[in-house]
C-alpha atoms as a PDB file:
ATOM      1  CA  MET A   1      30.456   8.323-152.901  1.00  0.00           C
ATOM      2  CA  ASP A   2      30.180  12.094-152.937  1.00  0.00           C
ATOM      3  CA  SER A   3      31.109  14.056-149.836  1.00  0.00           C
ATOM      4  CA  GLY A   4      28.811  17.081-150.016  1.00  0.00           C
ATOM      5  CA  LEU A   5      25.453  16.937-148.382  1.00  0.00           C
ATOM      6  CA  PRO A   6      23.365  19.119-150.717  1.00  0.00           C
ATOM      7  CA  ALA A   7      21.883  17.316-153.700  1.00  0.00           C
ATOM      8  CA  GLU A   8      23.401  18.371-157.009  1.00  0.00           C
ATOM      9  CA  PRO A   9      21.110  19.722-159.738  1.00  0.00           C
ATOM     10  CA  VAL A  10      20.981  17.700-162.949  1.00  0.00           C
ATOM     11  CA  ILE A  11      19.354  18.939-166.144  1.00  0.00           C
ATOM     12  CA  GLU A  12      17.401  16.370-168.134  1.00  0.00           C
ATOM     13  CA  PRO A  13      14.870  16.561-170.994  1.00  0.00           C
ATOM     14  CA  ALA A  14      11.332  17.144-169.791  1.00  0.00           C
ATOM     15  CA  THR A  15       8.712  14.460-170.303  1.00  0.00           C
ATOM     16  CA  SER A  16       5.782  16.861-170.173  1.00  0.00           C
ATOM     17  CA  ASP A  17       4.969  20.550-170.321  1.00  0.00           C
ATOM     18  CA  ARG A  18       4.571  20.722-166.539  1.00  0.00           C
ATOM     19  CA  ASN A  19       7.340  22.338-164.459  1.00  0.00           C
ATOM     20  CA  ARG A  20       9.081  23.640-167.593  1.00  0.00           C
ATOM     21  CA  TRP A  21      12.421  25.279-167.029  1.00  0.00           C
ATOM     22  CA  LEU A  22      13.782  27.429-169.873  1.00  0.00           C
ATOM     23  CA  GLY A  23      17.468  28.071-169.388  1.00  0.00           C
ATOM     24  CA  ARG A  24      19.410  30.963-170.876  1.00  0.00           C
ATOM     25  CA  GLY A  25      19.804  30.595-174.604  1.00  0.00           C
ATOM     26  CA  MET A  26      17.206  27.821-174.897  1.00  0.00           C
ATOM     27  CA  THR A  27      14.188  27.959-177.159  1.00  0.00           C
ATOM     28  CA  ALA A  28      10.689  26.717-176.537  1.00  0.00           C
ATOM     29  CA  ASN A  29      11.546  23.654-178.626  1.00  0.00           C
ATOM     30  CA  HIS A  30      14.107  22.576-176.025  1.00  0.00           C
ATOM     31  CA  THR A  31      12.353  22.186-172.676  1.00  0.00           C
ATOM     32  CA  TYR A  32      14.255  20.847-169.655  1.00  0.00           C
ATOM     33  CA  ILE A  33      13.542  20.024-166.042  1.00  0.00           C
ATOM     34  CA  LEU A  34      15.946  20.573-163.172  1.00  0.00           C
ATOM     35  CA  LEU A  35      16.470  17.437-161.072  1.00  0.00           C
ATOM     36  CA  MET A  36      18.148  17.031-157.704  1.00  0.00           C
ATOM     37  CA  GLN A  37      20.586  14.119-157.550  1.00  0.00           C
ATOM     38  CA  TRP A  38      23.156  12.490-155.247  1.00  0.00           C
ATOM     39  CA  THR A  39      24.889   9.140-154.881  1.00  0.00           C
ATOM     40  CA  ASP A  40      25.719   7.548-151.532  1.00  0.00           C
ATOM     41  CA  GLU A  41      26.233   4.201-149.842  1.00  0.00           C
ATOM     42  CA  GLY A  42      23.464   2.918-147.606  1.00  0.00           C
ATOM     43  CA  ILE A  43      22.275  -0.012-145.507  1.00  0.00           C
ATOM     44  CA  VAL A  44      18.789  -1.354-146.130  1.00  0.00           C
ATOM     45  CA  LEU A  45      16.520  -0.845-143.114  1.00  0.00           C
ATOM     46  CA  GLY A  46      13.359  -1.998-144.838  1.00  0.00           C
ATOM     47  CA  ALA A  47      11.161  -1.784-147.921  1.00  0.00           C
ATOM     48  CA  ARG A  48       7.393  -1.598-148.204  1.00  0.00           C
ATOM     49  CA  ARG A  49       5.274  -2.246-151.263  1.00  0.00           C
ATOM     50  CA  HIS A  50       4.011   0.768-153.181  1.00  0.00           C
ATOM     51  CA  GLY A  51       1.558   0.014-155.948  1.00  0.00           C
ATOM     52  CA  GLU A  52       1.812  -3.211-157.907  1.00  0.00           C
ATOM     53  CA  THR A  53       5.504  -3.292-158.787  1.00  0.00           C
ATOM     54  CA  SER A  54       7.360  -0.619-156.797  1.00  0.00           C
ATOM     55  CA  VAL A  55       8.608  -0.347-153.210  1.00  0.00           C
ATOM     56  CA  ILE A  56       9.548   2.518-150.927  1.00  0.00           C
ATOM     57  CA  LEU A  57      13.092   1.742-149.836  1.00  0.00           C
ATOM     58  CA  GLU A  58      14.416   2.948-146.480  1.00  0.00           C
ATOM     59  CA  LEU A  59      18.199   3.307-146.248  1.00  0.00           C
ATOM     60  CA  MET A  60      20.605   4.367-143.519  1.00  0.00           C
ATOM     61  CA  THR A  61      23.022   6.272-145.728  1.00  0.00           C
ATOM     62  CA  ALA A  62      26.562   7.256-144.930  1.00  0.00           C
ATOM     63  CA  MET A  63      26.213  10.999-145.560  1.00  0.00           C
ATOM     64  CA  ARG A  64      22.477  11.744-145.498  1.00  0.00           C
ATOM     65  CA  GLY A  65      21.160   9.705-142.601  1.00  0.00           C
ATOM     66  CA  ARG A  66      17.907   7.791-142.844  1.00  0.00           C
ATOM     67  CA  HIS A  67      16.516   8.417-146.300  1.00  0.00           C
ATOM     68  CA  LEU A  68      13.552   7.017-148.264  1.00  0.00           C
ATOM     69  CA  GLY A  69      13.029   6.706-151.993  1.00  0.00           C
ATOM     70  CA  LEU A  70      10.966   4.852-154.570  1.00  0.00           C
ATOM     71  CA  VAL A  71      12.440   1.829-156.341  1.00  0.00           C
ATOM     72  CA  ARG A  72      10.526   1.004-159.496  1.00  0.00           C
ATOM     73  CA  GLY A  73      10.271  -2.729-160.093  1.00  0.00           C
ATOM     74  CA  GLY A  74      11.336  -3.388-156.520  1.00  0.00           C
ATOM     75  CA  THR A  75       8.893  -6.267-156.101  1.00  0.00           C
ATOM     76  CA  GLY A  76      10.454  -8.199-158.990  1.00  0.00           C
ATOM     77  CA  THR A  77      12.723 -11.188-158.546  1.00  0.00           C
ATOM     78  CA  ARG A  78      15.805  -9.305-159.749  1.00  0.00           C
ATOM     79  CA  LEU A  79      15.648  -6.713-156.958  1.00  0.00           C
ATOM     80  CA  ARG A  80      13.811  -8.556-154.198  1.00  0.00           C
ATOM     81  CA  GLY A  81      16.943 -10.201-152.796  1.00  0.00           C
ATOM     82  CA  ILE A  82      18.945  -6.968-153.010  1.00  0.00           C
ATOM     83  CA  LEU A  83      16.402  -4.998-150.966  1.00  0.00           C
ATOM     84  CA  GLN A  84      16.574  -7.206-147.870  1.00  0.00           C
ATOM     85  CA  PRO A  85      17.328  -5.529-144.489  1.00  0.00           C
ATOM     86  CA  GLY A  86      21.034  -5.596-143.674  1.00  0.00           C
ATOM     87  CA  ASN A  87      22.328  -5.425-147.247  1.00  0.00           C
ATOM     88  CA  SER A  88      24.661  -2.614-148.273  1.00  0.00           C
ATOM     89  CA  LEU A  89      23.928  -0.756-151.515  1.00  0.00           C
ATOM     90  CA  ARG A  90      25.124   2.127-153.607  1.00  0.00           C
ATOM     91  CA  ALA A  91      22.127   4.315-154.319  1.00  0.00           C
ATOM     92  CA  THR A  92      21.582   7.236-156.661  1.00  0.00           C
ATOM     93  CA  TRP A  93      18.618   9.375-155.641  1.00  0.00           C
ATOM     94  CA  ARG A  94      16.823  11.735-158.019  1.00  0.00           C
ATOM     95  CA  ALA A  95      13.882  14.074-157.507  1.00  0.00           C
ATOM     96  CA  ARG A  96      12.535  17.296-158.965  1.00  0.00           C
ATOM     97  CA  LEU A  97      12.648  18.984-155.570  1.00  0.00           C
ATOM     98  CA  ASP A  98      14.824  18.192-152.583  1.00  0.00           C
ATOM     99  CA  ASP A  99      11.824  17.534-150.314  1.00  0.00           C
ATOM    100  CA  HIS A 100      10.167  15.042-152.690  1.00  0.00           C
ATOM    101  CA  LEU A 101      10.239  11.288-152.065  1.00  0.00           C
ATOM    102  CA  GLY A 102      12.349  10.803-155.174  1.00  0.00           C
ATOM    103  CA  ASN A 103      13.505   7.675-156.987  1.00  0.00           C
ATOM    104  CA  TYR A 104      16.391   5.361-156.186  1.00  0.00           C
ATOM    105  CA  ALA A 105      18.607   3.595-158.705  1.00  0.00           C
ATOM    106  CA  ILE A 106      20.564   0.972-156.800  1.00  0.00           C
ATOM    107  CA  GLU A 107      23.436  -1.456-157.148  1.00  0.00           C
ATOM    108  CA  SER A 108      24.593  -4.031-154.613  1.00  0.00           C
ATOM    109  CA  ILE A 109      27.765  -3.762-152.543  1.00  0.00           C
ATOM    110  CA  ASN A 110      27.391  -6.436-149.861  1.00  0.00           C
ATOM    111  CA  LEU A 111      24.437  -8.835-149.955  1.00  0.00           C
ATOM    112  CA  ARG A 112      25.018 -10.211-146.466  1.00  0.00           C
ATOM    113  CA  ALA A 113      21.315 -10.579-145.594  1.00  0.00           C
ATOM    114  CA  ALA A 114      21.059 -14.041-147.157  1.00  0.00           C
ATOM    115  CA  SER A 115      23.401 -15.393-144.488  1.00  0.00           C
ATOM    116  CA  PHE A 116      21.072 -14.179-141.713  1.00  0.00           C
ATOM    117  CA  LEU A 117      18.141 -16.386-142.657  1.00  0.00           C
ATOM    118  CA  ASN A 118      19.415 -19.502-140.879  1.00  0.00           C
ATOM    119  CA  ALA A 119      20.198 -17.713-137.609  1.00  0.00           C
ATOM    120  CA  ALA A 120      17.321 -16.473-135.445  1.00  0.00           C
ATOM    121  CA  HIS A 121      19.529 -14.074-133.495  1.00  0.00           C
ATOM    122  CA  ALA A 122      20.673 -12.437-136.755  1.00  0.00           C
ATOM    123  CA  VAL A 123      17.137 -11.888-138.061  1.00  0.00           C
ATOM    124  CA  HIS A 124      16.046 -10.392-134.733  1.00  0.00           C
ATOM    125  CA  GLY A 125      19.224  -8.331-134.543  1.00  0.00           C
ATOM    126  CA  VAL A 126      18.704  -6.709-137.942  1.00  0.00           C
ATOM    127  CA  THR A 127      15.067  -5.966-137.114  1.00  0.00           C
ATOM    128  CA  HIS A 128      16.039  -4.365-133.802  1.00  0.00           C
ATOM    129  CA  LEU A 129      18.802  -2.243-135.339  1.00  0.00           C
ATOM    130  CA  ALA A 130      16.382  -0.977-137.980  1.00  0.00           C
ATOM    131  CA  ALA A 131      13.860  -0.058-135.270  1.00  0.00           C
ATOM    132  CA  LEU A 132      16.537   1.960-133.486  1.00  0.00           C
ATOM    133  CA  CYS A 133      17.481   3.816-136.657  1.00  0.00           C
ATOM    134  CA  ARG A 134      13.849   4.768-137.220  1.00  0.00           C
ATOM    135  CA  LEU A 135      14.067   6.860-134.067  1.00  0.00           C
ATOM    136  CA  LEU A 136      16.361   9.200-135.991  1.00  0.00           C
ATOM    137  CA  ALA A 137      14.844  12.041-137.965  1.00  0.00           C
ATOM    138  CA  GLU A 138      14.888  11.570-141.722  1.00  0.00           C
ATOM    139  CA  ARG A 139      17.669  13.150-143.779  1.00  0.00           C
ATOM    140  CA  GLU A 140      19.860  14.138-140.827  1.00  0.00           C
ATOM    141  CA  PRO A 141      23.476  12.943-141.210  1.00  0.00           C
ATOM    142  CA  HIS A 142      24.635  10.284-138.748  1.00  0.00           C
ATOM    143  CA  ALA A 143      27.806   8.949-140.330  1.00  0.00           C
ATOM    144  CA  GLY A 144      28.891   7.292-137.092  1.00  0.00           C
ATOM    145  CA  VAL A 145      25.658   5.297-136.914  1.00  0.00           C
ATOM    146  CA  HIS A 146      26.057   4.082-140.499  1.00  0.00           C
ATOM    147  CA  ASP A 147      29.679   3.024-139.935  1.00  0.00           C
ATOM    148  CA  ALA A 148      28.846   1.235-136.676  1.00  0.00           C
ATOM    149  CA  LEU A 149      26.012  -0.628-138.402  1.00  0.00           C
ATOM    150  CA  GLU A 150      28.386  -1.823-141.120  1.00  0.00           C
ATOM    151  CA  THR A 151      30.770  -3.218-138.510  1.00  0.00           C
ATOM    152  CA  ILE A 152      28.004  -4.914-136.530  1.00  0.00           C
ATOM    153  CA  LEU A 153      26.325  -6.441-139.568  1.00  0.00           C
ATOM    154  CA  ASP A 154      29.615  -7.903-140.781  1.00  0.00           C
ATOM    155  CA  ALA A 155      29.928  -9.709-137.427  1.00  0.00           C
ATOM    156  CA  LEU A 156      26.271 -10.658-137.016  1.00  0.00           C
ATOM    157  CA  ASP A 157      26.815 -14.345-137.769  1.00  0.00           C
ATOM    158  CA  ASP A 158      28.762 -14.750-134.484  1.00  0.00           C
ATOM    159  CA  PRO A 159      26.401 -14.328-131.480  1.00  0.00           C
ATOM    160  CA  ALA A 160      29.171 -14.178-128.875  1.00  0.00           C
ATOM    161  CA  THR A 161      30.939 -11.383-130.750  1.00  0.00           C
ATOM    162  CA  VAL A 162      27.975  -9.326-131.851  1.00  0.00           C
ATOM    163  CA  ALA A 163      26.006  -9.249-128.578  1.00  0.00           C
ATOM    164  CA  PRO A 164      28.486  -6.932-126.783  1.00  0.00           C
ATOM    165  CA  MET A 165      28.784  -4.864-129.960  1.00  0.00           C
ATOM    166  CA  ILE A 166      25.042  -4.183-130.084  1.00  0.00           C
ATOM    167  CA  ALA A 167      24.960  -3.325-126.372  1.00  0.00           C
ATOM    168  CA  GLN A 168      27.772  -0.824-126.988  1.00  0.00           C
ATOM    169  CA  PHE A 169      25.919   0.477-130.033  1.00  0.00           C
ATOM    170  CA  GLU A 170      22.818   1.115-127.923  1.00  0.00           C
ATOM    171  CA  LEU A 171      24.939   3.106-125.498  1.00  0.00           C
ATOM    172  CA  VAL A 172      26.378   5.225-128.320  1.00  0.00           C
ATOM    173  CA  PHE A 173      22.932   5.538-129.884  1.00  0.00           C
ATOM    174  CA  LEU A 174      21.584   7.082-126.686  1.00  0.00           C
ATOM    175  CA  ALA A 175      24.283   9.738-126.976  1.00  0.00           C
ATOM    176  CA  GLU A 176      23.358  10.250-130.647  1.00  0.00           C
ATOM    177  CA  LEU A 177      19.799  11.014-129.514  1.00  0.00           C
ATOM    178  CA  GLY A 178      21.115  13.457-126.917  1.00  0.00           C
ATOM    179  CA  PHE A 179      20.744  11.211-123.851  1.00  0.00           C
ATOM    180  CA  GLY A 180      24.274   9.918-123.371  1.00  0.00           C
ATOM    181  CA  LEU A 181      25.270   8.345-120.057  1.00  0.00           C
ATOM    182  CA  ASP A 182      28.226   9.744-118.107  1.00  0.00           C
ATOM    183  CA  LEU A 183      30.379   6.705-117.361  1.00  0.00           C
ATOM    184  CA  ALA A 184      33.721   8.502-117.018  1.00  0.00           C
ATOM    185  CA  THR A 185      33.651   9.493-113.348  1.00  0.00           C
ATOM    186  CA  CYS A 186      31.803   8.632-110.167  1.00  0.00           C
ATOM    187  CA  ALA A 187      28.770  10.828-109.594  1.00  0.00           C
ATOM    188  CA  ALA A 188      29.430  10.933-105.844  1.00  0.00           C
ATOM    189  CA  THR A 189      33.217  11.225-105.543  1.00  0.00           C
ATOM    190  CA  GLY A 190      34.589  12.071-108.987  1.00  0.00           C
ATOM    191  CA  ALA A 191      36.738   8.937-108.929  1.00  0.00           C
ATOM    192  CA  THR A 192      37.616   7.334-112.276  1.00  0.00           C
ATOM    193  CA  ASP A 193      38.509   3.837-111.022  1.00  0.00           C
ATOM    194  CA  ASP A 194      36.390   0.864-109.986  1.00  0.00           C
ATOM    195  CA  LEU A 195      33.191   2.212-111.513  1.00  0.00           C
ATOM    196  CA  VAL A 196      30.767  -0.687-111.218  1.00  0.00           C
ATOM    197  CA  TYR A 197      27.314   0.906-110.921  1.00  0.00           C
ATOM    198  CA  VAL A 198      25.103   3.384-112.754  1.00  0.00           C
ATOM    199  CA  SER A 199      22.487   5.552-111.103  1.00  0.00           C
ATOM    200  CA  PRO A 200      19.108   5.045-112.833  1.00  0.00           C
ATOM    201  CA  ARG A 201      18.136   8.537-111.769  1.00  0.00           C
ATOM    202  CA  SER A 202      21.071  10.492-113.215  1.00  0.00           C
ATOM    203  CA  GLY A 203      22.587   8.090-115.748  1.00  0.00           C
ATOM    204  CA  ARG A 204      26.010   8.589-114.168  1.00  0.00           C
ATOM    205  CA  ALA A 205      28.542   6.019-113.054  1.00  0.00           C
ATOM    206  CA  VAL A 206      29.073   5.248-109.361  1.00  0.00           C
ATOM    207  CA  SER A 207      32.174   3.674-107.825  1.00  0.00           C
ATOM    208  CA  ARG A 208      32.066   0.490-105.802  1.00  0.00           C
ATOM    209  CA  ALA A 209      32.944   2.282-102.563  1.00  0.00           C
ATOM    210  CA  ALA A 210      30.386   5.053-103.000  1.00  0.00           C
ATOM    211  CA  GLY A 211      27.591   2.791-104.201  1.00  0.00           C
ATOM    212  CA  GLU A 212      27.918  -0.284-102.015  1.00  0.00           C
ATOM    213  CA  ALA A 213      25.363   0.926 -99.479  1.00  0.00           C
ATOM    214  CA  TYR A 214      22.851   1.598-102.277  1.00  0.00           C
ATOM    215  CA  ARG A 215      23.654  -1.323-104.566  1.00  0.00           C
ATOM    216  CA  ASP A 216      20.045  -2.570-104.584  1.00  0.00           C
ATOM    217  CA  LYS A 217      18.935   0.729-106.097  1.00  0.00           C
ATOM    218  CA  LEU A 218      21.735   0.974-108.670  1.00  0.00           C
ATOM    219  CA  MET A 219      22.286  -0.766-111.995  1.00  0.00           C
ATOM    220  CA  ARG A 220      25.372  -2.828-112.695  1.00  0.00           C
ATOM    221  CA  LEU A 221      27.958  -1.376-115.106  1.00  0.00           C
ATOM    222  CA  PRO A 222      29.854  -4.119-116.992  1.00  0.00           C
ATOM    223  CA  ASP A 223      33.507  -3.378-117.718  1.00  0.00           C
ATOM    224  CA  PHE A 224      33.166  -3.873-121.479  1.00  0.00           C
ATOM    225  CA  LEU A 225      30.885  -0.842-121.771  1.00  0.00           C
ATOM    226  CA  ARG A 226      33.781   1.338-120.628  1.00  0.00           C
ATOM    227  CA  ALA A 227      36.858  -0.566-121.838  1.00  0.00           C
ATOM    228  CA  GLU A 228      36.934  -1.901-125.403  1.00  0.00           C
ATOM    229  CA  GLN A 229      39.369  -4.704-124.571  1.00  0.00           C
ATOM    230  CA  ALA A 230      37.355  -6.066-121.646  1.00  0.00           C
ATOM    231  CA  THR A 231      35.783  -9.485-122.095  1.00  0.00           C
ATOM    232  CA  ALA A 232      32.039  -9.960-121.671  1.00  0.00           C
ATOM    233  CA  SER A 233      30.439 -12.938-119.957  1.00  0.00           C
ATOM    234  CA  ALA A 234      26.793 -13.884-120.463  1.00  0.00           C
ATOM    235  CA  ALA A 235      25.995 -12.123-117.173  1.00  0.00           C
ATOM    236  CA  ASP A 236      27.826  -9.005-118.367  1.00  0.00           C
ATOM    237  CA  VAL A 237      25.832  -8.980-121.615  1.00  0.00           C
ATOM    238  CA  ALA A 238      22.546  -9.381-119.721  1.00  0.00           C
ATOM    239  CA  ASP A 239      23.469  -6.525-117.358  1.00  0.00           C
ATOM    240  CA  ALA A 240      24.507  -4.307-120.272  1.00  0.00           C
ATOM    241  CA  PHE A 241      21.210  -4.806-122.104  1.00  0.00           C
ATOM    242  CA  ALA A 242      19.288  -4.202-118.874  1.00  0.00           C
ATOM    243  CA  LEU A 243      21.135  -0.909-118.509  1.00  0.00           C
ATOM    244  CA  THR A 244      20.761   0.332-122.070  1.00  0.00           C
ATOM    245  CA  GLY A 245      17.184  -0.948-122.286  1.00  0.00           C
ATOM    246  CA  PHE A 246      16.182   1.035-119.211  1.00  0.00           C
ATOM    247  CA  PHE A 247      17.426   4.310-120.675  1.00  0.00           C
ATOM    248  CA  LEU A 248      16.237   3.562-124.211  1.00  0.00           C
ATOM    249  CA  GLU A 249      12.742   2.962-122.895  1.00  0.00           C
ATOM    250  CA  ARG A 250      12.807   6.105-120.757  1.00  0.00           C
ATOM    251  CA  HIS A 251      14.291   8.530-123.285  1.00  0.00           C
ATOM    252  CA  ALA A 252      13.610   7.092-126.740  1.00  0.00           C
ATOM    253  CA  PHE A 253      10.595   4.793-126.870  1.00  0.00           C
ATOM    254  CA  SER A 254       8.203   5.823-124.083  1.00  0.00           C
ATOM    255  CA  PRO A 255       8.127   9.515-125.094  1.00  0.00           C
ATOM    256  CA  ARG A 256       6.998   8.359-128.552  1.00  0.00           C
ATOM    257  CA  GLY A 257       4.350   6.074-127.076  1.00  0.00           C
ATOM    258  CA  LEU A 258       6.278   2.984-128.186  1.00  0.00           C
ATOM    259  CA  PRO A 259       7.396  -0.134-126.312  1.00  0.00           C
ATOM    260  CA  LEU A 260      10.875  -1.555-126.639  1.00  0.00           C
ATOM    261  CA  PRO A 261      10.931  -3.624-129.848  1.00  0.00           C
ATOM    262  CA  ASP A 262       9.960  -7.287-129.473  1.00  0.00           C
ATOM    263  CA  ALA A 263      12.889  -8.093-131.767  1.00  0.00           C
ATOM    264  CA  ARG A 264      15.265  -6.726-129.136  1.00  0.00           C
ATOM    265  CA  ALA A 265      13.996  -9.126-126.458  1.00  0.00           C
ATOM    266  CA  ARG A 266      14.153 -12.037-128.903  1.00  0.00           C
ATOM    267  CA  PHE A 267      17.698 -11.131-129.928  1.00  0.00           C
ATOM    268  CA  ILE A 268      18.863 -10.917-126.312  1.00  0.00           C
ATOM    269  CA  SER A 269      17.234 -14.245-125.480  1.00  0.00           C
ATOM    270  CA  ALA A 270      18.858 -15.940-128.479  1.00  0.00           C
ATOM    271  CA  VAL A 271      22.379 -14.668-127.826  1.00  0.00           C
ATOM    272  CA  LEU A 272      22.213 -15.397-124.094  1.00  0.00           C
ATOM    273  CA  VAL A 273      21.132 -18.978-124.751  1.00  0.00           C
ATOM    274  CA  HIS A 274      24.036 -19.330-127.158  1.00  0.00           C
ATOM    275  CA  ASN A 275      26.535 -17.842-124.696  1.00  0.00           C
ATOM    276  CA  VAL A 276      25.356 -20.054-121.839  1.00  0.00           C
ATOM    277  CA  ASN A 277      25.566 -23.188-123.990  1.00  0.00           C
ATOM    278  CA  CYS A 278      29.052 -22.398-125.279  1.00  0.00           C
END
């Protein structure tokens, strides 16, 4: 994987007389075109059919954020399984200009998506995570989002493990969008201990002592959203998703005229049923 963000120019023989580029020392018998090119690792968010045999592939890349490109032959049996949401690929992107859609050449790294098909929570989870990533502007680097997705997807087969991880991811994702919650200190007293509530108005934590009189108007703050080592019960997971869902709807989806994804509700329902039955 390359580390620089700008695409590197690559010189290749031209296939037509359009966009001819004559370099220094070249003759008219040697016509070349200047291509932009980079190689990066990415997670498949989705693919939609384009024409009879191609697809437009949407990746969450490590260094270039959410990025689209054309995969020729993407509807064929050889590539269909590789282009499933949740798989990790190495992709080389080429285009004549940096703002063009461009073409992807891909190779597989981790084809984990096949293991999701027998687990409803996993299918809904991947769909929800992709919907979140589509809130990010195209071609803006979000290396932390890519790395977090890799970790979550590798654990997606275990509902009890992955449910708290996705709730934590939603919390971090809010910060990535510029709407992070302040859970470090109490909004009323500045205390750092016994923070058990969040104000829906300010998005700041509130201590038990300061918030007890207003508990019906505050949202519960599960310990695992603040402390990585804290365990999460089914009630904690439900409270965490209620909290992150409230702020995602307010700051991310409603301003775009969108509802919270149905896949999110289905994922939460599936993992809570699993946690209660375990």
